[in-house]
């Protein structure tokens, strides 16, 4: 996957790197720290979709960003209130 991601990010335009915080099928947690290395290397905007981790991961359910300790390094964190908090 890393080689595929690197090829996509080399294009050189402003890009947004989007990942799920928790992948719903298996419950795997995204490697936010490793993914952020690509953000810095290719100067792209980073977004984490925390639909499946809001209310579950991190202090008081604050999601993947809190769980991974990457506050201030992720540009956009989104979540819905339809999964855990519903």
Protein backbone atom coordinates (compact mmCIF):
# COMPACT_ATOMS: atom_id res chain seq x y z
CA UNK A 1 0.00 0.00 0.00
CA UNK A 2 2.81 2.46 0.79
CA UNK A 3 4.20 2.32 -2.76
CA UNK A 4 0.72 2.82 -4.21
CA UNK A 5 0.11 5.79 -1.91
CA UNK A 6 3.50 7.33 -2.73
CA UNK A 7 2.81 7.06 -6.49
CA UNK A 8 -0.54 8.81 -6.08
CA UNK A 9 0.91 11.61 -3.97
CA UNK A 10 3.84 12.33 -6.31
CA UNK A 11 1.60 14.01 -8.85
CA UNK A 12 2.45 17.38 -7.33
CA UNK A 13 -0.94 19.09 -7.03
CA UNK A 14 -2.57 20.12 -3.78
CA UNK A 15 -4.10 16.91 -2.48
CA UNK A 16 -6.07 15.59 0.44
CA UNK A 17 -4.98 12.33 2.05
CA UNK A 18 -8.09 10.73 3.56
CA UNK A 19 -8.24 7.64 5.76
CA UNK A 20 -10.70 6.00 8.08
CA UNK A 21 -9.71 6.09 11.73
CA UNK A 22 -11.09 2.59 12.26
CA UNK A 23 -11.84 0.29 9.36
CA UNK A 24 -15.32 -1.06 10.07
CA UNK A 25 -15.04 -4.52 8.55
CA UNK A 26 -12.20 -5.72 10.79
CA UNK A 27 -11.92 -3.02 13.43
CA UNK A 28 -8.33 -2.27 12.43
CA UNK A 29 -7.09 1.10 13.67
CA UNK A 30 -5.40 3.27 11.05
CA UNK A 31 -1.68 3.85 11.63
CA UNK A 32 -2.14 7.63 11.98
CA UNK A 33 1.51 8.32 12.83
CA UNK A 34 2.81 6.46 9.78
CA UNK A 35 0.22 8.04 7.52
CA UNK A 36 1.21 11.48 8.78
CA UNK A 37 4.73 10.90 7.48
CA UNK A 38 3.27 10.90 3.96
CA UNK A 39 1.40 14.10 4.74
CA UNK A 40 4.63 15.85 5.63
CA UNK A 41 6.67 14.33 2.84
CA UNK A 42 4.20 15.25 0.10
CA UNK A 43 2.80 18.41 1.72
CA UNK A 44 -0.83 17.33 1.49
CA UNK A 45 -3.87 17.97 3.64
CA UNK A 46 -4.66 15.15 6.07
CA UNK A 47 -8.22 14.08 6.92
CA UNK A 48 -9.30 11.28 9.24
CA UNK A 49 -12.86 9.96 9.13
CA UNK A 50 -13.66 8.96 12.68
CA UNK A 51 -17.19 7.67 12.09
CA UNK A 52 -16.27 4.34 13.70
CA UNK A 53 -13.96 5.63 16.43
CA UNK A 54 -15.85 8.65 17.78
CA UNK A 55 -17.06 7.72 21.24
CA UNK A 56 -14.80 4.64 21.32
CA UNK A 57 -11.11 5.54 20.97
CA UNK A 58 -9.10 8.20 22.75
CA UNK A 59 -9.70 10.01 25.99
CA UNK A 60 -13.44 10.38 26.54
CA UNK A 61 -14.09 8.95 23.05
CA UNK A 62 -12.36 11.76 21.15
CA UNK A 63 -11.36 9.45 18.31
CA UNK A 64 -8.28 8.34 16.39
CA UNK A 65 -6.45 11.68 16.57
CA UNK A 66 -6.54 11.56 20.36
CA UNK A 67 -5.80 7.83 20.48
CA UNK A 68 -2.67 8.28 18.34
CA UNK A 69 -1.61 11.51 20.05
CA UNK A 70 -1.41 13.47 16.80
CA UNK A 71 -3.30 16.61 17.79
CA UNK A 72 -2.41 19.61 15.64
CA UNK A 73 -1.00 17.45 12.85
CA UNK A 74 -4.28 16.36 11.25
CA UNK A 75 -6.04 19.13 9.34
CA UNK A 76 -9.56 17.68 9.32
CA UNK A 77 -11.20 15.17 11.64
CA UNK A 78 -14.78 14.21 10.87
CA UNK A 79 -17.22 11.88 12.47
CA UNK A 80 -20.89 11.15 12.40
CA UNK A 81 -23.18 10.81 15.33
CA UNK A 82 -24.83 7.78 13.76
CA UNK A 83 -22.46 5.02 14.84
CA UNK A 84 -21.41 4.97 18.49
CA UNK A 85 -23.30 7.99 19.80
CA UNK A 86 -26.69 7.22 18.30
